[in-house]
């Protein structure tokens, strides 16, 4: 099921005790919802995962697509047109590549990538080996974290997997209670934000436990 902005707003407004939208308007809820999605993807980049063919640049240094915030994975080669399944690509620590071959940046360009190296502290840059050919196009299947299109109406789709629904509701309550002046509402805001983070943490642990990479 794909949730719309209205699905979130109805649940949040009921929990907030304002189904008539006297305290928080629908347009304000939509603003809070866009903030919730941005924060969600900041905390859990995989919530905004997009997998698509990407054309690499010649050489070893690569830049993420314009819409991408962070690299999640590069799974396989996709040939010269982005449609032909090729060999698997595996992540590799940059130090390991350097120690294995100090001259690897100057290696002959190739049409298939074997490894990639990524440092989350430099989120828009990654390196590949062997270097990409400067005469033949090379595509790979890449997964990146991206922000969905901002919601503007109650019928807008948030573009986020359903598993994050309850966490987003808690963030909406956090923003709504934070706008109130009373101390008791501030306490509710803090509780809602803690619930938001807790739900993401629990879901994250479940994802890791069921990840194919964790199975022997």
Protein backbone atom coordinates (compact mmCIF):
# COMPACT_ATOMS: atom_id res chain seq x y z
CA UNK A 1 0.00 0.00 0.00
CA UNK A 2 1.30 3.44 -0.94
CA UNK A 3 0.36 6.00 1.70
CA UNK A 4 -0.62 9.51 0.69
CA UNK A 5 -0.07 12.69 2.65
CA UNK A 6 -3.71 12.50 3.73
CA UNK A 7 -3.17 9.10 5.38
CA UNK A 8 -0.43 10.54 7.57
CA UNK A 9 -2.33 13.75 8.32
CA UNK A 10 -5.50 11.96 9.41
CA UNK A 11 -3.60 9.73 11.85
CA UNK A 12 -1.43 12.53 13.22
CA UNK A 13 -4.33 14.99 13.60
CA UNK A 14 -6.35 12.39 15.52
CA UNK A 15 -3.49 11.65 17.89
CA UNK A 16 -2.88 15.37 18.29
CA UNK A 17 -6.56 15.87 19.13
CA UNK A 18 -7.30 18.31 16.33
CA UNK A 19 -9.26 16.52 13.59
CA UNK A 20 -10.93 19.83 12.65
CA UNK A 21 -7.49 21.37 11.90
CA UNK A 22 -8.14 24.31 14.23
CA UNK A 23 -4.61 24.27 15.69
CA UNK A 24 -2.64 22.85 12.77
CA UNK A 25 -3.83 23.36 9.20
CA UNK A 26 -3.57 20.74 6.47
CA UNK A 27 -0.94 22.84 4.69
CA UNK A 28 1.14 22.97 7.87
CA UNK A 29 0.84 19.20 8.28
CA UNK A 30 2.17 18.82 4.73
CA UNK A 31 5.12 21.05 5.63
CA UNK A 32 5.78 18.89 8.70
CA UNK A 33 5.48 15.76 6.55
CA UNK A 34 8.13 16.96 4.11
CA UNK A 35 10.39 17.70 7.08
CA UNK A 36 9.70 14.21 8.43
CA UNK A 37 10.79 12.59 5.17
CA UNK A 38 13.97 14.68 5.00
CA UNK A 39 14.86 13.78 8.59
CA UNK A 40 14.01 10.13 8.07
CA UNK A 41 16.40 9.86 5.12
CA UNK A 42 19.09 11.69 7.06
CA UNK A 43 18.81 9.15 9.89
CA UNK A 44 18.10 6.14 7.66
CA UNK A 45 19.57 6.72 4.17
CA UNK A 46 18.14 3.37 3.02
CA UNK A 47 14.63 4.81 3.40
CA UNK A 48 15.30 6.81 0.25
CA UNK A 49 16.97 4.01 -1.72
CA UNK A 50 16.84 4.28 -5.51
CA UNK A 51 18.48 1.66 -7.76
CA UNK A 52 19.22 2.60 -11.36
CA UNK A 53 21.78 2.32 -14.18
CA UNK A 54 24.49 5.00 -13.87
CA UNK A 55 27.08 6.02 -16.45
CA UNK A 56 30.56 6.24 -14.93
CA UNK A 57 33.20 8.83 -15.77
CA UNK A 58 36.57 7.88 -17.26
CA UNK A 59 39.26 7.10 -14.68
CA UNK A 60 38.99 6.17 -11.00
CA UNK A 61 37.27 9.16 -9.39
CA UNK A 62 33.49 9.21 -9.63
CA UNK A 63 30.73 11.58 -8.52
CA UNK A 64 27.24 10.56 -7.46
CA UNK A 65 24.26 11.49 -9.67
CA UNK A 66 22.92 14.98 -8.99
CA UNK A 67 19.84 13.78 -7.08
CA UNK A 68 21.78 11.36 -4.89
CA UNK A 69 22.67 12.19 -1.29
CA UNK A 70 24.72 9.12 -0.40
CA UNK A 71 25.99 5.94 -2.02
CA UNK A 72 24.42 2.72 -0.71
CA UNK A 73 25.78 0.08 -3.08
CA UNK A 74 27.12 -0.68 -6.55
CA UNK A 75 25.98 -4.19 -7.33
CA UNK A 76 27.04 -5.13 -10.88
CA UNK A 77 28.25 -4.01 -14.29
CA UNK A 78 25.61 -3.15 -16.91
CA UNK A 79 27.63 -3.01 -20.09
CA UNK A 80 28.03 -0.11 -22.50
CA UNK A 81 24.34 0.81 -22.69
CA UNK A 82 23.10 0.15 -19.15
CA UNK A 83 21.02 -2.90 -20.05
CA UNK A 84 23.44 -5.87 -20.23
CA UNK A 85 23.97 -7.73 -16.95
CA UNK A 86 27.65 -8.13 -16.18
CA UNK A 87 30.00 -9.12 -13.40
CA UNK A 88 29.42 -8.43 -9.71
CA UNK A 89 31.08 -5.37 -8.15
CA UNK A 90 32.21 -5.55 -4.53
CA UNK A 91 33.08 -2.84 -1.99
CA UNK A 92 36.71 -2.63 -0.96
CA UNK A 93 38.56 -0.51 1.58
CA UNK A 94 40.65 2.17 -0.10
CA UNK A 95 43.69 1.30 2.02
CA UNK A 96 43.50 -2.32 0.90
CA UNK A 97 43.46 -1.27 -2.77
CA UNK A 98 46.43 1.06 -2.20
CA UNK A 99 48.50 -1.58 -0.40
CA UNK A 100 47.74 -4.15 -3.09
CA UNK A 101 48.92 -1.90 -5.91
CA UNK A 102 50.32 1.57 -5.29
CA UNK A 103 50.11 2.29 -9.01
CA UNK A 104 46.44 1.31 -9.46
CA UNK A 105 45.22 4.85 -10.31
CA UNK A 106 47.35 4.74 -13.44
CA UNK A 107 46.24 1.30 -14.59
CA UNK A 108 44.82 0.82 -18.08
CA UNK A 109 41.16 1.76 -18.37
CA UNK A 110 38.68 -1.12 -18.58
CA UNK A 111 35.04 -1.67 -19.54
CA UNK A 112 34.11 -3.61 -16.39
CA UNK A 113 34.50 -2.55 -12.76
CA UNK A 114 35.55 -5.01 -10.04
CA UNK A 115 35.60 -2.92 -6.83
CA UNK A 116 34.49 0.42 -5.47
CA UNK A 117 35.70 2.38 -2.45
CA UNK A 118 33.46 4.84 -0.61
CA UNK A 119 33.99 7.08 2.40
CA UNK A 120 30.75 8.36 3.98
CA UNK A 121 32.68 11.41 5.23
CA UNK A 122 32.98 12.48 1.58
CA UNK A 123 29.46 11.45 0.55
CA UNK A 124 29.40 12.54 -3.08
CA UNK A 125 32.70 10.98 -4.19
CA UNK A 126 33.74 7.35 -4.66
CA UNK A 127 36.52 5.49 -6.46
CA UNK A 128 36.48 2.44 -8.73
CA UNK A 129 39.03 -0.11 -9.86
CA UNK A 130 40.12 -0.81 -12.48
CA UNK A 131 39.88 2.71 -13.91
CA UNK A 132 37.00 3.28 -16.33
CA UNK A 133 37.87 3.29 -20.01
CA UNK A 134 38.12 6.74 -21.59
CA UNK A 135 36.96 5.46 -25.00
CA UNK A 136 34.02 3.14 -24.19
CA UNK A 137 30.98 3.93 -22.04
CA UNK A 138 30.63 1.94 -18.82
CA UNK A 139 27.37 1.59 -16.88
CA UNK A 140 26.82 0.06 -13.44
CA UNK A 141 23.78 -0.73 -11.33
CA UNK A 142 23.93 1.73 -8.43
CA UNK A 143 21.81 2.21 -5.33
CA UNK A 144 21.80 5.67 -3.78
CA UNK A 145 19.81 7.53 -1.14
CA UNK A 146 17.61 10.23 -2.65
CA UNK A 147 14.89 12.58 -1.45
CA UNK A 148 11.45 11.93 -2.99
CA UNK A 149 9.64 14.79 -4.68
CA UNK A 150 8.28 17.16 -2.03
CA UNK A 151 4.57 16.76 -1.26
CA UNK A 152 2.31 19.69 -2.09
CA UNK A 153 -1.23 18.30 -1.67
CA UNK A 154 -2.98 15.78 0.56
CA UNK A 155 -3.11 13.34 -2.37
CA UNK A 156 0.69 13.38 -2.81
CA UNK A 157 2.59 10.11 -2.34
CA UNK A 158 5.51 10.42 0.07
CA UNK A 159 7.60 7.87 -1.86
CA UNK A 160 8.63 6.09 1.35
CA UNK A 161 8.17 2.40 2.17
CA UNK A 162 5.16 1.59 4.36
CA UNK A 163 7.37 0.19 7.15
CA UNK A 164 8.29 3.75 8.15
CA UNK A 165 4.67 4.94 8.55
CA UNK A 166 4.56 4.89 12.36
CA UNK A 167 7.95 6.58 12.67
CA UNK A 168 6.79 9.42 10.41
CA UNK A 169 3.62 9.84 12.47
CA UNK A 170 5.75 10.32 15.59
CA UNK A 171 7.83 12.98 13.83
CA UNK A 172 4.64 14.82 12.82
CA UNK A 173 3.52 14.82 16.46
CA UNK A 174 6.95 16.07 17.50
CA UNK A 175 6.67 19.05 15.15
CA UNK A 176 3.07 19.80 16.15
CA UNK A 177 3.71 19.66 19.91
CA UNK A 178 6.92 21.67 19.49
CA UNK A 179 4.88 24.57 18.11
CA UNK A 180 2.82 24.79 21.33
CA UNK A 181 3.89 27.03 24.21
CA UNK A 182 2.80 24.92 27.16
CA UNK A 183 5.50 22.98 29.02
CA UNK A 184 3.42 19.81 28.97
CA UNK A 185 3.27 19.97 25.16
CA UNK A 186 7.05 20.37 25.02
CA UNK A 187 7.35 17.15 27.01
CA UNK A 188 5.03 15.43 24.55
CA UNK A 189 7.21 16.72 21.71
CA UNK A 190 10.32 15.22 23.30
CA UNK A 191 8.55 11.89 23.80
CA UNK A 192 7.37 11.84 20.18
CA UNK A 193 10.88 12.49 18.90
CA UNK A 194 12.28 9.73 21.11
CA UNK A 195 9.61 7.41 19.72
CA UNK A 196 10.60 8.42 16.18
CA UNK A 197 14.25 7.55 16.79
CA UNK A 198 13.38 4.36 18.68
CA UNK A 199 11.15 3.08 15.89
CA UNK A 200 13.90 3.66 13.35
CA UNK A 201 16.44 1.91 15.58
CA UNK A 202 14.27 -1.15 16.09
CA UNK A 203 13.51 -1.38 12.38
CA UNK A 204 17.19 -0.93 11.57
CA UNK A 205 18.18 -3.85 13.80
CA UNK A 206 15.52 -6.03 12.20
CA UNK A 207 16.80 -5.12 8.73
CA UNK A 208 20.37 -6.04 9.64
CA UNK A 209 19.28 -9.34 11.17
CA UNK A 210 17.49 -10.30 7.95
CA UNK A 211 20.09 -8.94 5.56
CA UNK A 212 21.52 -11.51 3.09
CA UNK A 213 24.98 -10.25 4.05
CA UNK A 214 24.45 -11.52 7.60
CA UNK A 215 23.44 -15.04 6.64
CA UNK A 216 26.08 -17.75 6.63
